[in-house]
Amino acid sequence: MPRDPVYGAKGTPKTEEELSLLRRSLSGDLAAWGEIVTRYKEAVFGVALGITRNPADAQDAASDAFIRAYENLNRYDMSRKFSTWIFTIVANLCKNKLRRAKFSAPLKQVGRLIGGRDPAKIVYQESRDALVQEAVERLGDKYRPAIILRFYADLDYKEIAEILHLPEGTVKTRLHRAKAQLRALLTEKGVAPDAQTD
């Protein structure tokens, strides 16, 4: 019977080495879990930073996410993306911190940490990065997480829906409205946005 595909960071197929690390972690091997944390910590922190916009809250959420993931590793389905599972955990933790966020973190740093695509390069021309980042930071808590997960973490609609516990149609609607808000904010600044992208 063929085994379901398994995935690692950024949707790439998991190596046998990573599967071995996860299985060893499940058996209580803390060194193996430490290697998993090392591989994913920047991406998890990047997602948390993009959602909370507060480095201290993001660090707390990332640390708590790995603790919670380890404690619940027996519930992780090895046939699914580990990144989606850990991003779901950290996104849930960040929901409790959003209202306390006091300042914005530079979104360019978030994109670098996650290793995904920068929305400024997708939605608008590269020369407008600073204005796009400012506009994304001004999005409300209802829309910003979906934009961060879509354009920084490079996740698809289904993954975002799973992480945010929303129907896929709601994710599409929020992304559409968020991009409309971004266009309006940029137009206020006298910047004409480029053609729309998904």
N, C-alpha and C. Protein backbone atom coordinates (compact mmCIF):
# COMPACT_ATOMS: atom_id res chain seq x y z
N MET A 1 0.85 -1.19 0.00
CA MET A 1 0.00 0.00 0.00
C MET A 1 0.89 1.25 0.00
N PRO A 2 0.73 2.17 -0.97
CA PRO A 2 1.59 3.35 -1.04
C PRO A 2 1.36 4.28 0.16
N ARG A 3 2.45 4.82 0.63
CA ARG A 3 2.37 5.73 1.77
C ARG A 3 2.06 7.14 1.29
N ASP A 4 1.27 7.87 2.07
CA ASP A 4 0.98 9.25 1.73
C ASP A 4 2.26 10.07 1.74
N PRO A 5 2.35 11.10 0.88
CA PRO A 5 3.53 11.95 0.90
C PRO A 5 3.63 12.69 2.23
N VAL A 6 4.84 12.95 2.65
CA VAL A 6 5.07 13.70 3.87
C VAL A 6 5.90 14.92 3.53
N TYR A 7 5.68 15.99 4.25
CA TYR A 7 6.29 17.26 3.89
C TYR A 7 7.01 17.89 5.06
N GLY A 8 8.02 18.66 4.74
CA GLY A 8 8.80 19.39 5.73
C GLY A 8 8.57 20.88 5.59
N ALA A 9 9.60 21.67 5.90
CA ALA A 9 9.49 23.13 5.84
C ALA A 9 9.18 23.59 4.43
N LYS A 10 8.31 24.60 4.31
CA LYS A 10 7.95 25.24 3.05
C LYS A 10 7.35 24.26 2.04
N GLY A 11 6.78 23.16 2.50
CA GLY A 11 6.07 22.26 1.60
C GLY A 11 6.96 21.30 0.85
N THR A 12 8.27 21.27 1.14
CA THR A 12 9.16 20.35 0.45
C THR A 12 9.01 18.96 1.06
N PRO A 13 9.24 17.89 0.26
CA PRO A 13 9.12 16.55 0.83
C PRO A 13 10.06 16.39 2.01
N LYS A 14 9.56 15.78 3.09
CA LYS A 14 10.40 15.52 4.24
C LYS A 14 11.44 14.48 3.88
N THR A 15 12.64 14.67 4.36
CA THR A 15 13.68 13.68 4.16
C THR A 15 13.47 12.55 5.17
N GLU A 16 14.05 11.41 4.87
CA GLU A 16 13.99 10.31 5.82
C GLU A 16 14.63 10.73 7.14
N GLU A 17 15.65 11.59 7.03
CA GLU A 17 16.31 12.08 8.25
C GLU A 17 15.32 12.85 9.12
N GLU A 18 14.51 13.72 8.50
CA GLU A 18 13.55 14.49 9.29
C GLU A 18 12.48 13.58 9.88
N LEU A 19 12.02 12.62 9.10
CA LEU A 19 11.04 11.67 9.63
C LEU A 19 11.62 10.91 10.82
N SER A 20 12.88 10.54 10.70
CA SER A 20 13.55 9.84 11.80
C SER A 20 13.62 10.73 13.04
N LEU A 21 13.95 12.03 12.83
CA LEU A 21 14.01 12.96 13.95
C LEU A 21 12.65 13.07 14.64
N LEU A 22 11.58 13.16 13.85
CA LEU A 22 10.24 13.28 14.43
C LEU A 22 9.85 12.01 15.18
N ARG A 23 10.19 10.87 14.60
CA ARG A 23 9.86 9.60 15.28
C ARG A 23 10.66 9.46 16.57
N ARG A 24 11.93 9.83 16.52
CA ARG A 24 12.77 9.77 17.73
C ARG A 24 12.26 10.75 18.79
N SER A 25 11.82 11.93 18.32
CA SER A 25 11.25 12.91 19.25
C SER A 25 10.02 12.33 19.94
N LEU A 26 9.20 11.64 19.17
CA LEU A 26 8.00 11.01 19.70
C LEU A 26 8.34 9.97 20.77
N SER A 27 9.52 9.38 20.63
CA SER A 27 9.97 8.38 21.61
C SER A 27 10.68 9.02 22.80
N GLY A 28 10.73 10.35 22.83
CA GLY A 28 11.32 11.03 23.97
C GLY A 28 12.75 11.48 23.80
N ASP A 29 13.27 11.42 22.57
CA ASP A 29 14.65 11.83 22.30
C ASP A 29 14.70 13.36 22.21
N LEU A 30 15.20 14.01 23.28
CA LEU A 30 15.22 15.47 23.32
C LEU A 30 16.22 16.07 22.34
N ALA A 31 17.30 15.35 22.04
CA ALA A 31 18.28 15.85 21.07
C ALA A 31 17.65 15.91 19.68
N ALA A 32 16.85 14.91 19.34
CA ALA A 32 16.17 14.90 18.05
C ALA A 32 15.18 16.06 17.97
N TRP A 33 14.44 16.29 19.05
CA TRP A 33 13.49 17.40 19.07
C TRP A 33 14.23 18.73 18.95
N GLY A 34 15.38 18.83 19.58
CA GLY A 34 16.19 20.04 19.48
C GLY A 34 16.57 20.35 18.05
N GLU A 35 16.85 19.31 17.27
CA GLU A 35 17.17 19.52 15.86
C GLU A 35 15.95 19.99 15.08
N ILE A 36 14.77 19.46 15.39
CA ILE A 36 13.53 19.92 14.75
C ILE A 36 13.31 21.40 15.07
N VAL A 37 13.49 21.76 16.33
CA VAL A 37 13.32 23.15 16.74
C VAL A 37 14.29 24.05 15.98
N THR A 38 15.52 23.62 15.86
CA THR A 38 16.53 24.40 15.13
C THR A 38 16.11 24.63 13.69
N ARG A 39 15.54 23.60 13.05
CA ARG A 39 15.15 23.71 11.65
C ARG A 39 13.95 24.65 11.43
N TYR A 40 13.07 24.73 12.41
CA TYR A 40 11.82 25.48 12.22
C TYR A 40 11.70 26.76 13.03
N LYS A 41 12.65 27.02 13.94
CA LYS A 41 12.45 28.13 14.88
C LYS A 41 12.35 29.48 14.20
N GLU A 42 13.14 29.74 13.16
CA GLU A 42 13.08 31.04 12.49
C GLU A 42 11.75 31.23 11.78
N ALA A 43 11.28 30.17 11.12
CA ALA A 43 9.99 30.28 10.41
C ALA A 43 8.85 30.49 11.39
N VAL A 44 8.86 29.76 12.50
CA VAL A 44 7.79 29.90 13.50
C VAL A 44 7.84 31.29 14.12
N PHE A 45 9.03 31.75 14.46
CA PHE A 45 9.16 33.11 15.01
C PHE A 45 8.70 34.14 13.98
N GLY A 46 9.05 33.93 12.71
CA GLY A 46 8.65 34.86 11.66
C GLY A 46 7.14 34.98 11.52
N VAL A 47 6.46 33.85 11.57
CA VAL A 47 4.99 33.88 11.50
C VAL A 47 4.42 34.60 12.72
N ALA A 48 4.96 34.27 13.89
CA ALA A 48 4.47 34.92 15.12
C ALA A 48 4.73 36.43 15.08
N LEU A 49 5.89 36.82 14.59
CA LEU A 49 6.23 38.24 14.50
C LEU A 49 5.32 38.96 13.52
N GLY A 50 5.03 38.30 12.40
CA GLY A 50 4.14 38.91 11.41
C GLY A 50 2.73 39.11 11.93
N ILE A 51 2.28 38.20 12.79
CA ILE A 51 0.92 38.30 13.31
C ILE A 51 0.85 39.26 14.50
N THR A 52 1.77 39.13 15.45
CA THR A 52 1.69 39.96 16.66
C THR A 52 2.31 41.33 16.47
N ARG A 53 3.30 41.45 15.59
CA ARG A 53 4.06 42.68 15.34
C ARG A 53 4.82 43.12 16.59
N ASN A 54 5.04 42.23 17.50
CA ASN A 54 5.74 42.53 18.75
C ASN A 54 6.78 41.45 18.97
N PRO A 55 8.08 41.79 18.89
CA PRO A 55 9.12 40.76 19.02
C PRO A 55 9.05 39.96 20.33
N ALA A 56 8.76 40.62 21.44
CA ALA A 56 8.68 39.90 22.71
C ALA A 56 7.52 38.91 22.71
N ASP A 57 6.34 39.36 22.25
CA ASP A 57 5.19 38.46 22.16
C ASP A 57 5.46 37.32 21.18
N ALA A 58 6.13 37.65 20.08
CA ALA A 58 6.43 36.64 19.06
C ALA A 58 7.38 35.59 19.63
N GLN A 59 8.38 36.01 20.38
CA GLN A 59 9.32 35.07 20.98
C GLN A 59 8.61 34.16 21.98
N ASP A 60 7.74 34.76 22.80
CA ASP A 60 6.96 33.96 23.76
C ASP A 60 6.09 32.93 23.05
N ALA A 61 5.40 33.40 22.00
CA ALA A 61 4.50 32.50 21.26
C ALA A 61 5.27 31.38 20.59
N ALA A 62 6.43 31.71 20.00
CA ALA A 62 7.24 30.69 19.33
C ALA A 62 7.74 29.65 20.34
N SER A 63 8.23 30.11 21.47
CA SER A 63 8.70 29.17 22.50
C SER A 63 7.55 28.30 23.00
N ASP A 64 6.42 28.93 23.28
CA ASP A 64 5.25 28.18 23.76
C ASP A 64 4.77 27.18 22.70
N ALA A 65 4.87 27.57 21.43
CA ALA A 65 4.41 26.69 20.35
C ALA A 65 5.23 25.40 20.32
N PHE A 66 6.54 25.51 20.48
CA PHE A 66 7.38 24.31 20.46
C PHE A 66 7.15 23.45 21.70
N ILE A 67 6.90 24.08 22.83
CA ILE A 67 6.59 23.31 24.04
C ILE A 67 5.29 22.55 23.84
N ARG A 68 4.27 23.28 23.34
CA ARG A 68 2.97 22.66 23.12
C ARG A 68 3.04 21.55 22.06
N ALA A 69 3.83 21.80 21.00
CA ALA A 69 3.98 20.79 19.95
C ALA A 69 4.62 19.53 20.51
N TYR A 70 5.66 19.70 21.32
CA TYR A 70 6.33 18.52 21.89
C TYR A 70 5.39 17.74 22.81
N GLU A 71 4.64 18.47 23.61
CA GLU A 71 3.71 17.81 24.54
C GLU A 71 2.60 17.06 23.81
N ASN A 72 2.29 17.50 22.58
CA ASN A 72 1.20 16.89 21.81
C ASN A 72 1.69 16.18 20.56
N LEU A 73 2.96 15.83 20.53
CA LEU A 73 3.55 15.22 19.34
C LEU A 73 2.85 13.92 18.95
N ASN A 74 2.29 13.24 19.93
CA ASN A 74 1.58 11.99 19.62
C ASN A 74 0.32 12.24 18.78
N ARG A 75 -0.13 13.50 18.72
CA ARG A 75 -1.31 13.83 17.91
C ARG A 75 -0.93 14.26 16.49
N TYR A 76 0.35 14.47 16.25
CA TYR A 76 0.79 14.92 14.92
C TYR A 76 0.73 13.78 13.92
N ASP A 77 0.09 14.04 12.79
CA ASP A 77 -0.04 13.08 11.70
C ASP A 77 1.19 13.20 10.80
N MET A 78 2.05 12.19 10.81
CA MET A 78 3.31 12.23 10.06
C MET A 78 3.11 12.35 8.55
N SER A 79 1.90 12.12 8.07
CA SER A 79 1.67 12.22 6.63
C SER A 79 1.36 13.65 6.19
N ARG A 80 1.30 14.57 7.15
CA ARG A 80 0.98 15.96 6.83
C ARG A 80 2.18 16.86 7.03
N LYS A 81 2.10 18.08 6.49
CA LYS A 81 3.19 19.03 6.64
C LYS A 81 3.40 19.38 8.10
N PHE A 82 4.62 19.25 8.57
CA PHE A 82 4.94 19.66 9.93
C PHE A 82 4.80 21.18 10.05
N SER A 83 5.17 21.90 8.99
CA SER A 83 5.10 23.37 9.05
C SER A 83 3.66 23.84 9.27
N THR A 84 2.69 23.22 8.61
CA THR A 84 1.30 23.61 8.80
C THR A 84 0.86 23.37 10.24
N TRP A 85 1.29 22.25 10.79
CA TRP A 85 0.90 21.90 12.16
C TRP A 85 1.49 22.90 13.16
N ILE A 86 2.78 23.18 13.04
CA ILE A 86 3.42 24.09 13.99
C ILE A 86 2.94 25.53 13.78
N PHE A 87 2.66 25.92 12.50
CA PHE A 87 2.12 27.26 12.25
C PHE A 87 0.73 27.40 12.86
N THR A 88 -0.06 26.32 12.84
CA THR A 88 -1.39 26.36 13.44
C THR A 88 -1.28 26.62 14.93
N ILE A 89 -0.35 25.93 15.57
CA ILE A 89 -0.16 26.10 17.01
C ILE A 89 0.24 27.53 17.33
N VAL A 90 1.24 28.05 16.61
CA VAL A 90 1.72 29.39 16.93
C VAL A 90 0.67 30.45 16.59
N ALA A 91 -0.09 30.25 15.53
CA ALA A 91 -1.14 31.22 15.18
C ALA A 91 -2.20 31.27 16.26
N ASN A 92 -2.56 30.11 16.81
CA ASN A 92 -3.55 30.09 17.89
C ASN A 92 -3.04 30.83 19.12
N LEU A 93 -1.76 30.63 19.43
CA LEU A 93 -1.18 31.33 20.58
C LEU A 93 -1.14 32.84 20.34
N CYS A 94 -0.88 33.23 19.10
CA CYS A 94 -0.79 34.67 18.79
C CYS A 94 -2.13 35.37 18.89
N LYS A 95 -3.22 34.63 18.68
CA LYS A 95 -4.54 35.25 18.78
C LYS A 95 -4.75 35.89 20.15
N ASN A 96 -4.15 35.28 21.17
CA ASN A 96 -4.30 35.81 22.52
C ASN A 96 -3.43 37.04 22.77
N LYS A 97 -2.50 37.32 21.86
CA LYS A 97 -1.56 38.41 22.05
C LYS A 97 -1.83 39.61 21.15
N LEU A 98 -2.67 39.44 20.14
CA LEU A 98 -2.87 40.49 19.15
C LEU A 98 -3.31 41.82 19.75
N ARG A 99 -4.23 41.78 20.68
CA ARG A 99 -4.75 43.03 21.23
C ARG A 99 -3.72 43.78 22.07
N ARG A 100 -2.69 43.05 22.52
CA ARG A 100 -1.68 43.69 23.36
C ARG A 100 -0.50 44.20 22.55
N ALA A 101 -0.51 43.96 21.24
CA ALA A 101 0.62 44.41 20.42
C ALA A 101 0.71 45.94 20.46
N LYS A 102 1.89 46.46 20.74
CA LYS A 102 2.06 47.89 20.91
C LYS A 102 2.81 48.56 19.76
N PHE A 103 3.56 47.78 19.00
CA PHE A 103 4.31 48.41 17.92
C PHE A 103 4.52 47.40 16.81
N SER A 104 4.86 47.91 15.64
CA SER A 104 5.03 47.07 14.46
C SER A 104 6.48 46.66 14.28
N ALA A 105 6.68 45.43 13.87
CA ALA A 105 8.01 44.97 13.49
C ALA A 105 8.16 45.13 11.98
N PRO A 106 9.37 45.38 11.51
CA PRO A 106 9.55 45.53 10.06
C PRO A 106 9.17 44.25 9.33
N LEU A 107 8.26 44.37 8.36
CA LEU A 107 7.79 43.18 7.66
C LEU A 107 8.85 42.59 6.74
N LYS A 108 9.80 43.37 6.33
CA LYS A 108 10.88 42.82 5.52
C LYS A 108 11.63 41.76 6.31
N GLN A 109 11.84 42.00 7.61
CA GLN A 109 12.50 41.04 8.48
C GLN A 109 11.66 39.78 8.59
N VAL A 110 10.35 39.93 8.67
CA VAL A 110 9.47 38.77 8.76
C VAL A 110 9.64 37.89 7.53
N GLY A 111 9.63 38.50 6.35
CA GLY A 111 9.80 37.74 5.12
C GLY A 111 11.11 37.00 5.08
N ARG A 112 12.18 37.63 5.57
CA ARG A 112 13.49 37.00 5.57
C ARG A 112 13.50 35.81 6.52
N LEU A 113 12.89 35.96 7.69
CA LEU A 113 12.88 34.89 8.67
C LEU A 113 12.10 33.67 8.18
N ILE A 114 10.95 33.92 7.57
CA ILE A 114 10.12 32.82 7.10
C ILE A 114 10.70 32.19 5.85
N GLY A 115 11.36 32.98 5.04
CA GLY A 115 11.93 32.45 3.81
C GLY A 115 10.92 32.35 2.68
N GLY A 116 9.77 32.97 2.86
CA GLY A 116 8.74 32.94 1.82
C GLY A 116 8.85 34.15 0.91
N ARG A 117 7.81 34.37 0.11
CA ARG A 117 7.79 35.49 -0.82
C ARG A 117 7.36 36.76 -0.12
N ASP A 118 7.93 37.87 -0.51
CA ASP A 118 7.56 39.17 0.05
C ASP A 118 6.34 39.69 -0.71
N PRO A 119 5.25 40.06 -0.01
CA PRO A 119 4.06 40.53 -0.72
C PRO A 119 4.32 41.76 -1.56
N ALA A 120 5.32 42.55 -1.17
CA ALA A 120 5.64 43.74 -1.97
C ALA A 120 6.11 43.35 -3.36
N LYS A 121 6.75 42.20 -3.49
CA LYS A 121 7.25 41.76 -4.79
C LYS A 121 6.16 41.09 -5.60
N ILE A 122 5.10 40.72 -4.94
CA ILE A 122 4.01 40.04 -5.63
C ILE A 122 2.91 41.01 -5.99
N VAL A 123 2.47 41.80 -5.03
CA VAL A 123 1.34 42.70 -5.25
C VAL A 123 1.76 44.04 -5.84
N TYR A 124 2.91 44.52 -5.48
CA TYR A 124 3.36 45.83 -5.93
C TYR A 124 4.82 45.76 -6.39
N GLN A 125 5.28 46.76 -7.07
CA GLN A 125 6.65 46.79 -7.55
C GLN A 125 7.63 46.88 -6.39
N GLU A 126 8.80 46.32 -6.61
CA GLU A 126 9.80 46.25 -5.54
C GLU A 126 10.18 47.63 -4.99
N SER A 127 10.14 48.61 -5.84
CA SER A 127 10.53 49.96 -5.41
C SER A 127 9.57 50.55 -4.37
N ARG A 128 8.41 49.91 -4.19
CA ARG A 128 7.40 50.42 -3.27
C ARG A 128 7.37 49.62 -1.96
N ASP A 129 8.40 48.84 -1.70
CA ASP A 129 8.42 47.97 -0.52
C ASP A 129 8.07 48.69 0.78
N ALA A 130 8.70 49.82 1.00
CA ALA A 130 8.49 50.52 2.28
C ALA A 130 7.03 50.92 2.46
N LEU A 131 6.41 51.43 1.40
CA LEU A 131 5.01 51.84 1.49
C LEU A 131 4.09 50.63 1.67
N VAL A 132 4.41 49.54 1.00
CA VAL A 132 3.60 48.33 1.13
C VAL A 132 3.71 47.79 2.56
N GLN A 133 4.93 47.76 3.09
CA GLN A 133 5.11 47.27 4.45
C GLN A 133 4.31 48.11 5.45
N GLU A 134 4.36 49.42 5.26
CA GLU A 134 3.60 50.31 6.14
C GLU A 134 2.11 50.03 6.02
N ALA A 135 1.65 49.80 4.80
CA ALA A 135 0.22 49.53 4.58
C ALA A 135 -0.18 48.20 5.22
N VAL A 136 0.65 47.17 5.09
CA VAL A 136 0.33 45.87 5.69
C VAL A 136 0.26 46.00 7.21
N GLU A 137 1.17 46.78 7.77
CA GLU A 137 1.17 46.98 9.22
C GLU A 137 -0.10 47.69 9.69
N ARG A 138 -0.72 48.46 8.80
CA ARG A 138 -1.94 49.20 9.15
C ARG A 138 -3.20 48.35 9.00
N LEU A 139 -3.10 47.17 8.41
CA LEU A 139 -4.26 46.29 8.28
C LEU A 139 -4.74 45.87 9.67
N GLY A 140 -6.03 45.66 9.80
CA GLY A 140 -6.57 45.22 11.08
C GLY A 140 -6.21 43.77 11.37
N ASP A 141 -6.39 43.39 12.63
CA ASP A 141 -6.07 42.03 13.05
C ASP A 141 -6.88 40.97 12.31
N LYS A 142 -8.02 41.36 11.77
CA LYS A 142 -8.86 40.42 11.03
C LYS A 142 -8.21 40.01 9.71
N TYR A 143 -7.46 40.92 9.10
CA TYR A 143 -6.93 40.66 7.76
C TYR A 143 -5.42 40.39 7.72
N ARG A 144 -4.66 40.96 8.64
CA ARG A 144 -3.21 40.86 8.59
C ARG A 144 -2.69 39.41 8.66
N PRO A 145 -3.24 38.55 9.57
CA PRO A 145 -2.71 37.19 9.63
C PRO A 145 -2.82 36.43 8.30
N ALA A 146 -3.93 36.60 7.60
CA ALA A 146 -4.09 35.90 6.32
C ALA A 146 -3.06 36.38 5.30
N ILE A 147 -2.82 37.70 5.27
CA ILE A 147 -1.82 38.25 4.35
C ILE A 147 -0.42 37.73 4.69
N ILE A 148 -0.09 37.71 5.99
CA ILE A 148 1.22 37.23 6.42
C ILE A 148 1.41 35.76 6.01
N LEU A 149 0.40 34.93 6.28
CA LEU A 149 0.52 33.51 5.98
C LEU A 149 0.54 33.24 4.48
N ARG A 150 -0.19 34.04 3.71
CA ARG A 150 -0.24 33.84 2.26
C ARG A 150 1.05 34.31 1.58
N PHE A 151 1.47 35.53 1.87
CA PHE A 151 2.55 36.12 1.10
C PHE A 151 3.92 36.06 1.76
N TYR A 152 3.97 35.81 3.06
CA TYR A 152 5.27 35.67 3.73
C TYR A 152 5.60 34.21 3.95
N ALA A 153 4.64 33.44 4.47
CA ALA A 153 4.89 32.02 4.69
C ALA A 153 4.63 31.20 3.43
N ASP A 154 4.03 31.82 2.40
CA ASP A 154 3.80 31.17 1.11
C ASP A 154 2.90 29.94 1.22
N LEU A 155 1.85 30.06 2.04
CA LEU A 155 0.91 28.95 2.21
C LEU A 155 -0.28 29.11 1.27
N ASP A 156 -0.92 27.99 0.96
CA ASP A 156 -2.09 28.06 0.09
C ASP A 156 -3.35 28.30 0.93
N TYR A 157 -4.48 28.51 0.25
CA TYR A 157 -5.72 28.85 0.93
C TYR A 157 -6.13 27.78 1.95
N LYS A 158 -5.98 26.52 1.55
CA LYS A 158 -6.40 25.42 2.42
C LYS A 158 -5.58 25.42 3.71
N GLU A 159 -4.27 25.62 3.59
CA GLU A 159 -3.41 25.64 4.77
C GLU A 159 -3.74 26.82 5.68
N ILE A 160 -3.98 27.98 5.08
CA ILE A 160 -4.32 29.17 5.86
C ILE A 160 -5.65 28.94 6.58
N ALA A 161 -6.61 28.33 5.88
CA ALA A 161 -7.91 28.05 6.49
C ALA A 161 -7.75 27.14 7.70
N GLU A 162 -6.88 26.14 7.57
CA GLU A 162 -6.65 25.20 8.66
C GLU A 162 -6.00 25.92 9.85
N ILE A 163 -5.01 26.75 9.58
CA ILE A 163 -4.27 27.44 10.64
C ILE A 163 -5.16 28.44 11.38
N LEU A 164 -5.97 29.18 10.63
CA LEU A 164 -6.81 30.22 11.23
C LEU A 164 -8.19 29.72 11.65
N HIS A 165 -8.46 28.43 11.42
CA HIS A 165 -9.75 27.83 11.76
C HIS A 165 -10.89 28.57 11.08
N LEU A 166 -10.74 28.77 9.77
CA LEU A 166 -11.75 29.47 8.99
C LEU A 166 -12.09 28.64 7.76
N PRO A 167 -13.31 28.81 7.21
CA PRO A 167 -13.60 28.17 5.93
C PRO A 167 -12.69 28.75 4.85
N GLU A 168 -12.37 27.93 3.86
CA GLU A 168 -11.48 28.37 2.79
C GLU A 168 -12.05 29.59 2.06
N GLY A 169 -13.35 29.62 1.89
CA GLY A 169 -13.99 30.77 1.24
C GLY A 169 -13.79 32.06 2.03
N THR A 170 -13.82 31.94 3.36
CA THR A 170 -13.60 33.12 4.20
C THR A 170 -12.17 33.63 4.06
N VAL A 171 -11.22 32.69 3.95
CA VAL A 171 -9.82 33.08 3.74
C VAL A 171 -9.69 33.86 2.44
N LYS A 172 -10.29 33.35 1.37
CA LYS A 172 -10.22 34.03 0.08
C LYS A 172 -10.85 35.43 0.18
N THR A 173 -11.97 35.52 0.87
CA THR A 173 -12.64 36.81 1.02
C THR A 173 -11.76 37.79 1.81
N ARG A 174 -11.17 37.30 2.88
CA ARG A 174 -10.32 38.18 3.69
C ARG A 174 -9.09 38.64 2.91
N LEU A 175 -8.51 37.73 2.15
CA LEU A 175 -7.35 38.12 1.34
C LEU A 175 -7.75 39.15 0.28
N HIS A 176 -8.91 38.93 -0.33
CA HIS A 176 -9.40 39.87 -1.35
C HIS A 176 -9.62 41.26 -0.73
N ARG A 177 -10.27 41.30 0.43
CA ARG A 177 -10.54 42.57 1.09
C ARG A 177 -9.26 43.22 1.60
N ALA A 178 -8.34 42.39 2.10
CA ALA A 178 -7.06 42.94 2.58
C ALA A 178 -6.30 43.58 1.44
N LYS A 179 -6.28 42.92 0.28
CA LYS A 179 -5.58 43.50 -0.87
C LYS A 179 -6.27 44.77 -1.34
N ALA A 180 -7.61 44.81 -1.24
CA ALA A 180 -8.33 46.03 -1.60
C ALA A 180 -7.96 47.16 -0.64
N GLN A 181 -7.86 46.84 0.65
CA GLN A 181 -7.44 47.85 1.62
C GLN A 181 -6.02 48.33 1.34
N LEU A 182 -5.14 47.39 0.99
CA LEU A 182 -3.77 47.77 0.67
C LEU A 182 -3.72 48.71 -0.53
N ARG A 183 -4.52 48.40 -1.55
CA ARG A 183 -4.57 49.27 -2.73
C ARG A 183 -5.06 50.66 -2.34
N ALA A 184 -6.11 50.71 -1.49
CA ALA A 184 -6.65 52.01 -1.07
C ALA A 184 -5.62 52.80 -0.27
N LEU A 185 -4.92 52.13 0.63
CA LEU A 185 -3.90 52.79 1.45
C LEU A 185 -2.77 53.33 0.58
N LEU A 186 -2.38 52.55 -0.42
CA LEU A 186 -1.31 52.99 -1.31
C LEU A 186 -1.77 54.13 -2.21
N THR A 187 -3.02 54.07 -2.64
CA THR A 187 -3.56 55.15 -3.47
C THR A 187 -3.57 56.46 -2.69
N GLU A 188 -3.89 56.37 -1.38
CA GLU A 188 -3.83 57.57 -0.52
C GLU A 188 -2.44 58.18 -0.52
N LYS A 189 -1.42 57.32 -0.65
CA LYS A 189 -0.04 57.79 -0.65
C LYS A 189 0.41 58.23 -2.04
N GLY A 190 -0.51 58.15 -3.01
CA GLY A 190 -0.17 58.55 -4.38
C GLY A 190 0.55 57.48 -5.16
N VAL A 191 0.44 56.23 -4.71
CA VAL A 191 1.10 55.11 -5.40
C VAL A 191 0.04 54.30 -6.11
N ALA A 192 0.22 54.12 -7.42
CA ALA A 192 -0.73 53.30 -8.17
C ALA A 192 -0.31 51.85 -8.09
N PRO A 193 -1.15 50.98 -7.51
CA PRO A 193 -0.78 49.56 -7.37
C PRO A 193 -0.74 48.85 -8.72
N ASP A 194 0.05 47.79 -8.76
CA ASP A 194 0.13 46.96 -9.96
C ASP A 194 -1.08 46.06 -10.05
N ALA A 195 -1.09 45.20 -11.06
CA ALA A 195 -2.20 44.26 -11.24
C ALA A 195 -2.30 43.32 -10.06
N GLN A 196 -3.51 42.87 -9.79
CA GLN A 196 -3.77 42.00 -8.67
C GLN A 196 -3.17 40.63 -8.91
N THR A 197 -2.73 40.00 -7.80
CA THR A 197 -2.29 38.61 -7.88
C THR A 197 -2.91 37.88 -6.73
N ASP A 198 -2.86 36.53 -6.80
CA ASP A 198 -3.41 35.72 -5.71
C ASP A 198 -2.45 35.70 -4.56
